[in-house]
Amino acid sequence: MGTVERAFELAEQGRCRTLTDIRKILVAEKHAGVDLHLAGSGIRKQLRAVMHSTRPSTEASAPQGA
């Protein structure tokens, strides 16, 4: 699997909260050129959007009647 594809997979899994988290995992998995692959503003924006969409809603987890 390529670096970009793996980055999106990690973002979709909900394991990563930030791009730094994604970078660390990709480097640990020995992907080459991680910083170059994730350098574009478009890909960073897309990855952030995916990570945001997989986060649990804070409203849904807030206690009721507080």
PDB file of N, CA and C in Angstrom:
ATOM      1  N   MET A   1       0.843  -1.170   0.000  1.00  0.00           N
ATOM      2  CA  MET A   1       0.000   0.000   0.000  1.00  0.00           C
ATOM      3  C   MET A   1       0.891   1.237   0.000  1.00  0.00           C
ATOM      4  N   GLY A   2       0.513   2.221  -0.788  1.00  0.00           N
ATOM      5  CA  GLY A   2       1.285   3.447  -0.882  1.00  0.00           C
ATOM      6  C   GLY A   2       1.128   4.331   0.353  1.00  0.00           C
ATOM      7  N   THR A   3       1.997   5.302   0.447  1.00  0.00           N
ATOM      8  CA  THR A   3       2.029   6.191   1.599  1.00  0.00           C
ATOM      9  C   THR A   3       0.729   6.973   1.754  1.00  0.00           C
ATOM     10  N   VAL A   4       0.251   7.551   0.678  1.00  0.00           N
ATOM     11  CA  VAL A   4      -0.973   8.354   0.746  1.00  0.00           C
ATOM     12  C   VAL A   4      -2.179   7.473   1.075  1.00  0.00           C
ATOM     13  N   GLU A   5      -2.259   6.335   0.446  1.00  0.00           N
ATOM     14  CA  GLU A   5      -3.372   5.424   0.726  1.00  0.00           C
ATOM     15  C   GLU A   5      -3.369   5.002   2.188  1.00  0.00           C
ATOM     16  N   ARG A   6      -2.197   4.703   2.717  1.00  0.00           N
ATOM     17  CA  ARG A   6      -2.083   4.306   4.126  1.00  0.00           C
ATOM     18  C   ARG A   6      -2.462   5.467   5.046  1.00  0.00           C
ATOM     19  N   ALA A   7      -2.068   6.689   4.682  1.00  0.00           N
ATOM     20  CA  ALA A   7      -2.424   7.859   5.484  1.00  0.00           C
ATOM     21  C   ALA A   7      -3.942   7.990   5.594  1.00  0.00           C
ATOM     22  N   PHE A   8      -4.647   7.813   4.485  1.00  0.00           N
ATOM     23  CA  PHE A   8      -6.107   7.900   4.524  1.00  0.00           C
ATOM     24  C   PHE A   8      -6.709   6.743   5.309  1.00  0.00           C
ATOM     25  N   GLU A   9      -6.117   5.573   5.198  1.00  0.00           N
ATOM     26  CA  GLU A   9      -6.599   4.432   5.974  1.00  0.00           C
ATOM     27  C   GLU A   9      -6.476   4.724   7.474  1.00  0.00           C
ATOM     28  N   LEU A  10      -5.347   5.260   7.890  1.00  0.00           N
ATOM     29  CA  LEU A  10      -5.139   5.603   9.295  1.00  0.00           C
ATOM     30  C   LEU A  10      -6.133   6.669   9.747  1.00  0.00           C
ATOM     31  N   ALA A  11      -6.364   7.664   8.905  1.00  0.00           N
ATOM     32  CA  ALA A  11      -7.314   8.725   9.243  1.00  0.00           C
ATOM     33  C   ALA A  11      -8.725   8.160   9.406  1.00  0.00           C
ATOM     34  N   GLU A  12      -9.105   7.232   8.530  1.00  0.00           N
ATOM     35  CA  GLU A  12     -10.441   6.633   8.580  1.00  0.00           C
ATOM     36  C   GLU A  12     -10.630   5.716   9.781  1.00  0.00           C
ATOM     37  N   GLN A  13      -9.555   5.105  10.235  1.00  0.00           N
ATOM     38  CA  GLN A  13      -9.658   4.170  11.361  1.00  0.00           C
ATOM     39  C   GLN A  13      -9.928   4.865  12.686  1.00  0.00           C
ATOM     40  N   GLY A  14      -9.687   6.171  12.747  1.00  0.00           N
ATOM     41  CA  GLY A  14      -9.903   6.898  13.983  1.00  0.00           C
ATOM     42  C   GLY A  14      -8.775   6.760  14.986  1.00  0.00           C
ATOM     43  N   ARG A  15      -7.690   6.134  14.602  1.00  0.00           N
ATOM     44  CA  ARG A  15      -6.524   5.966  15.491  1.00  0.00           C
ATOM     45  C   ARG A  15      -5.774   7.272  15.685  1.00  0.00           C
ATOM     46  N   CYS A  16      -5.827   8.133  14.689  1.00  0.00           N
ATOM     47  CA  CYS A  16      -5.025   9.344  14.683  1.00  0.00           C
ATOM     48  C   CYS A  16      -5.903  10.568  14.876  1.00  0.00           C
ATOM     49  N   ARG A  17      -5.431  11.456  15.747  1.00  0.00           N
ATOM     50  CA  ARG A  17      -6.163  12.701  15.981  1.00  0.00           C
ATOM     51  C   ARG A  17      -5.537  13.874  15.244  1.00  0.00           C
ATOM     52  N   THR A  18      -4.261  13.717  14.844  1.00  0.00           N
ATOM     53  CA  THR A  18      -3.548  14.798  14.168  1.00  0.00           C
ATOM     54  C   THR A  18      -2.727  14.245  13.008  1.00  0.00           C
ATOM     55  N   LEU A  19      -2.279  15.163  12.152  1.00  0.00           N
ATOM     56  CA  LEU A  19      -1.391  14.765  11.064  1.00  0.00           C
ATOM     57  C   LEU A  19      -0.063  14.254  11.601  1.00  0.00           C
ATOM     58  N   THR A  20       0.359  14.795  12.732  1.00  0.00           N
ATOM     59  CA  THR A  20       1.594  14.313  13.354  1.00  0.00           C
ATOM     60  C   THR A  20       1.455  12.848  13.736  1.00  0.00           C
ATOM     61  N   ASP A  21       0.300  12.460  14.243  1.00  0.00           N
ATOM     62  CA  ASP A  21       0.056  11.045  14.572  1.00  0.00           C
ATOM     63  C   ASP A  21       0.195  10.168  13.326  1.00  0.00           C
ATOM     64  N   ILE A  22      -0.383  10.632  12.229  1.00  0.00           N
ATOM     65  CA  ILE A  22      -0.303   9.878  10.972  1.00  0.00           C
ATOM     66  C   ILE A  22       1.155   9.777  10.522  1.00  0.00           C
ATOM     67  N   ARG A  23       1.868  10.894  10.546  1.00  0.00           N
ATOM     68  CA  ARG A  23       3.277  10.888  10.134  1.00  0.00           C
ATOM     69  C   ARG A  23       4.101   9.899  10.960  1.00  0.00           C
ATOM     70  N   LYS A  24       3.913   9.922  12.279  1.00  0.00           N
ATOM     71  CA  LYS A  24       4.679   9.028  13.160  1.00  0.00           C
ATOM     72  C   LYS A  24       4.456   7.565  12.800  1.00  0.00           C
ATOM     73  N   ILE A  25       3.219   7.200  12.551  1.00  0.00           N
ATOM     74  CA  ILE A  25       2.921   5.807  12.206  1.00  0.00           C
ATOM     75  C   ILE A  25       3.523   5.450  10.856  1.00  0.00           C
ATOM     76  N   LEU A  26       3.387   6.329   9.878  1.00  0.00           N
ATOM     77  CA  LEU A  26       3.941   6.052   8.550  1.00  0.00           C
ATOM     78  C   LEU A  26       5.456   5.886   8.601  1.00  0.00           C
ATOM     79  N   VAL A  27       6.119   6.738   9.362  1.00  0.00           N
ATOM     80  CA  VAL A  27       7.580   6.622   9.504  1.00  0.00           C
ATOM     81  C   VAL A  27       7.933   5.312  10.202  1.00  0.00           C
ATOM     82  N   ALA A  28       7.192   4.974  11.253  1.00  0.00           N
ATOM     83  CA  ALA A  28       7.442   3.723  11.975  1.00  0.00           C
ATOM     84  C   ALA A  28       7.228   2.508  11.074  1.00  0.00           C
ATOM     85  N   GLU A  29       6.298   2.630  10.127  1.00  0.00           N
ATOM     86  CA  GLU A  29       6.026   1.543   9.180  1.00  0.00           C
ATOM     87  C   GLU A  29       6.982   1.572   7.982  1.00  0.00           C
ATOM     88  N   LYS A  30       7.972   2.461   8.032  1.00  0.00           N
ATOM     89  CA  LYS A  30       9.031   2.548   7.018  1.00  0.00           C
ATOM     90  C   LYS A  30       8.550   3.030   5.650  1.00  0.00           C
ATOM     91  N   HIS A  31       7.526   3.875   5.625  1.00  0.00           N
ATOM     92  CA  HIS A  31       7.121   4.485   4.360  1.00  0.00           C
ATOM     93  C   HIS A  31       8.153   5.543   3.988  1.00  0.00           C
ATOM     94  N   ALA A  32       8.468   5.626   2.715  1.00  0.00           N
ATOM     95  CA  ALA A  32       9.479   6.580   2.242  1.00  0.00           C
ATOM     96  C   ALA A  32       8.833   7.917   1.876  1.00  0.00           C
ATOM     97  N   GLY A  33       9.561   9.003   2.142  1.00  0.00           N
ATOM     98  CA  GLY A  33       9.119  10.326   1.719  1.00  0.00           C
ATOM     99  C   GLY A  33       7.818  10.788   2.342  1.00  0.00           C
ATOM    100  N   VAL A  34       7.588  10.456   3.583  1.00  0.00           N
ATOM    101  CA  VAL A  34       6.329  10.788   4.246  1.00  0.00           C
ATOM    102  C   VAL A  34       6.056  12.287   4.188  1.00  0.00           C
ATOM    103  N   ASP A  35       7.039  13.100   4.564  1.00  0.00           N
ATOM    104  CA  ASP A  35       6.828  14.548   4.575  1.00  0.00           C
ATOM    105  C   ASP A  35       6.510  15.087   3.186  1.00  0.00           C
ATOM    106  N   LEU A  36       7.152  14.563   2.171  1.00  0.00           N
ATOM    107  CA  LEU A  36       6.870  15.005   0.801  1.00  0.00           C
ATOM    108  C   LEU A  36       5.461  14.614   0.370  1.00  0.00           C
ATOM    109  N   HIS A  37       5.055  13.407   0.708  1.00  0.00           N
ATOM    110  CA  HIS A  37       3.720  12.937   0.327  1.00  0.00           C
ATOM    111  C   HIS A  37       2.616  13.730   1.019  1.00  0.00           C
ATOM    112  N   LEU A  38       2.873  14.184   2.226  1.00  0.00           N
ATOM    113  CA  LEU A  38       1.845  14.886   2.999  1.00  0.00           C
ATOM    114  C   LEU A  38       2.075  16.395   3.032  1.00  0.00           C
ATOM    115  N   ALA A  39       2.891  16.914   2.116  1.00  0.00           N
ATOM    116  CA  ALA A  39       3.259  18.333   2.139  1.00  0.00           C
ATOM    117  C   ALA A  39       2.182  19.254   1.566  1.00  0.00           C
ATOM    118  N   GLY A  40       1.388  18.770   0.651  1.00  0.00           N
ATOM    119  CA  GLY A  40       0.410  19.631  -0.009  1.00  0.00           C
ATOM    120  C   GLY A  40      -0.740  20.043   0.905  1.00  0.00           C
ATOM    121  N   SER A  41      -1.178  21.276   0.759  1.00  0.00           N
ATOM    122  CA  SER A  41      -2.268  21.767   1.608  1.00  0.00           C
ATOM    123  C   SER A  41      -3.566  21.012   1.335  1.00  0.00           C
ATOM    124  N   GLY A  42      -3.763  20.586   0.100  1.00  0.00           N
ATOM    125  CA  GLY A  42      -4.981  19.853  -0.247  1.00  0.00           C
ATOM    126  C   GLY A  42      -5.077  18.519   0.470  1.00  0.00           C
ATOM    127  N   ILE A  43      -4.001  17.760   0.469  1.00  0.00           N
ATOM    128  CA  ILE A  43      -4.022  16.452   1.127  1.00  0.00           C
ATOM    129  C   ILE A  43      -4.150  16.612   2.639  1.00  0.00           C
ATOM    130  N   ARG A  44      -3.500  17.620   3.197  1.00  0.00           N
ATOM    131  CA  ARG A  44      -3.611  17.857   4.646  1.00  0.00           C
ATOM    132  C   ARG A  44      -5.050  18.197   5.017  1.00  0.00           C
ATOM    133  N   LYS A  45      -5.681  19.020   4.198  1.00  0.00           N
ATOM    134  CA  LYS A  45      -7.076  19.400   4.445  1.00  0.00           C
ATOM    135  C   LYS A  45      -7.991  18.174   4.362  1.00  0.00           C
ATOM    136  N   GLN A  46      -7.756  17.325   3.362  1.00  0.00           N
ATOM    137  CA  GLN A  46      -8.571  16.118   3.198  1.00  0.00           C
ATOM    138  C   GLN A  46      -8.386  15.166   4.374  1.00  0.00           C
ATOM    139  N   LEU A  47      -7.147  14.977   4.802  1.00  0.00           N
ATOM    140  CA  LEU A  47      -6.879  14.078   5.928  1.00  0.00           C
ATOM    141  C   LEU A  47      -7.519  14.605   7.211  1.00  0.00           C
ATOM    142  N   ARG A  48      -7.423  15.915   7.435  1.00  0.00           N
ATOM    143  CA  ARG A  48      -8.062  16.503   8.619  1.00  0.00           C
ATOM    144  C   ARG A  48      -9.569  16.301   8.585  1.00  0.00           C
ATOM    145  N   ALA A  49     -10.168  16.457   7.414  1.00  0.00           N
ATOM    146  CA  ALA A  49     -11.610  16.268   7.275  1.00  0.00           C
ATOM    147  C   ALA A  49     -12.003  14.826   7.591  1.00  0.00           C
ATOM    148  N   VAL A  50     -11.217  13.883   7.109  1.00  0.00           N
ATOM    149  CA  VAL A  50     -11.499  12.471   7.394  1.00  0.00           C
ATOM    150  C   VAL A  50     -11.363  12.193   8.887  1.00  0.00           C
ATOM    151  N   MET A  51     -10.285  12.692   9.497  1.00  0.00           N
ATOM    152  CA  MET A  51     -10.093  12.482  10.936  1.00  0.00           C
ATOM    153  C   MET A  51     -11.232  13.116  11.729  1.00  0.00           C
ATOM    154  N   HIS A  52     -11.650  14.302  11.320  1.00  0.00           N
ATOM    155  CA  HIS A  52     -12.738  14.989  12.019  1.00  0.00           C
ATOM    156  C   HIS A  52     -14.039  14.197  11.915  1.00  0.00           C
ATOM    157  N   SER A  53     -14.289  13.620  10.750  1.00  0.00           N
ATOM    158  CA  SER A  53     -15.543  12.882  10.547  1.00  0.00           C
ATOM    159  C   SER A  53     -15.595  11.573  11.325  1.00  0.00           C
ATOM    160  N   THR A  54     -14.437  11.062  11.731  1.00  0.00           N
ATOM    161  CA  THR A  54     -14.421   9.790  12.464  1.00  0.00           C
ATOM    162  C   THR A  54     -14.407   9.984  13.976  1.00  0.00           C
ATOM    163  N   ARG A  55     -14.261  11.227  14.434  1.00  0.00           N
ATOM    164  CA  ARG A  55     -14.252  11.492  15.880  1.00  0.00           C
ATOM    165  C   ARG A  55     -15.663  11.407  16.424  1.00  0.00           C
ATOM    166  N   PRO A  56     -15.798  10.850  17.625  1.00  0.00           N
ATOM    167  CA  PRO A  56     -17.123  10.847  18.242  1.00  0.00           C
ATOM    168  C   PRO A  56     -17.552  12.277  18.557  1.00  0.00           C
ATOM    169  N   SER A  57     -18.821  12.535  18.407  1.00  0.00           N
ATOM    170  CA  SER A  57     -19.349  13.861  18.703  1.00  0.00           C
ATOM    171  C   SER A  57     -19.235  14.149  20.192  1.00  0.00           C
ATOM    172  N   THR A  58     -18.729  15.315  20.552  1.00  0.00           N
ATOM    173  CA  THR A  58     -18.610  15.671  21.968  1.00  0.00           C
ATOM    174  C   THR A  58     -19.986  15.937  22.575  1.00  0.00           C
ATOM    175  N   GLU A  59     -20.934  16.383  21.754  1.00  0.00           N
ATOM    176  CA  GLU A  59     -22.286  16.610  22.250  1.00  0.00           C
ATOM    177  C   GLU A  59     -22.947  15.297  22.630  1.00  0.00           C
ATOM    178  N   ALA A  60     -22.727  14.258  21.849  1.00  0.00           N
ATOM    179  CA  ALA A  60     -23.350  12.967  22.097  1.00  0.00           C
ATOM    180  C   ALA A  60     -22.794  12.323  23.357  1.00  0.00           C
ATOM    181  N   SER A  61     -21.552  12.638  23.711  1.00  0.00           N
ATOM    182  CA  SER A  61     -20.944  12.004  24.880  1.00  0.00           C
ATOM    183  C   SER A  61     -21.059  12.862  26.145  1.00  0.00           C
ATOM    184  N   ALA A  62     -21.623  14.070  26.009  1.00  0.00           N
ATOM    185  CA  ALA A  62     -21.773  14.947  27.171  1.00  0.00           C
ATOM    186  C   ALA A  62     -22.899  14.443  28.063  1.00  0.00           C
ATOM    187  N   PRO A  63     -22.719  14.523  29.387  1.00  0.00           N
ATOM    188  CA  PRO A  63     -23.783  14.080  30.294  1.00  0.00           C
ATOM    189  C   PRO A  63     -25.028  14.935  30.129  1.00  0.00           C
ATOM    190  N   GLN A  64     -26.174  14.324  30.177  1.00  0.00           N
ATOM    191  CA  GLN A  64     -27.443  15.009  30.055  1.00  0.00           C
ATOM    192  C   GLN A  64     -27.885  15.589  31.384  1.00  0.00           C
ATOM    193  N   GLY A  65     -28.525  16.754  31.345  1.00  0.00           N
ATOM    194  CA  GLY A  65     -29.065  17.342  32.544  1.00  0.00           C
ATOM    195  C   GLY A  65     -28.041  17.954  33.477  1.00  0.00           C
ATOM    196  N   ALA A  66     -26.903  18.297  32.959  1.00  0.00           N
ATOM    197  CA  ALA A  66     -25.842  18.843  33.810  1.00  0.00           C
ATOM    198  C   ALA A  66     -26.041  20.309  34.093  1.00  0.00           C
TER     199      ALA A  66
END
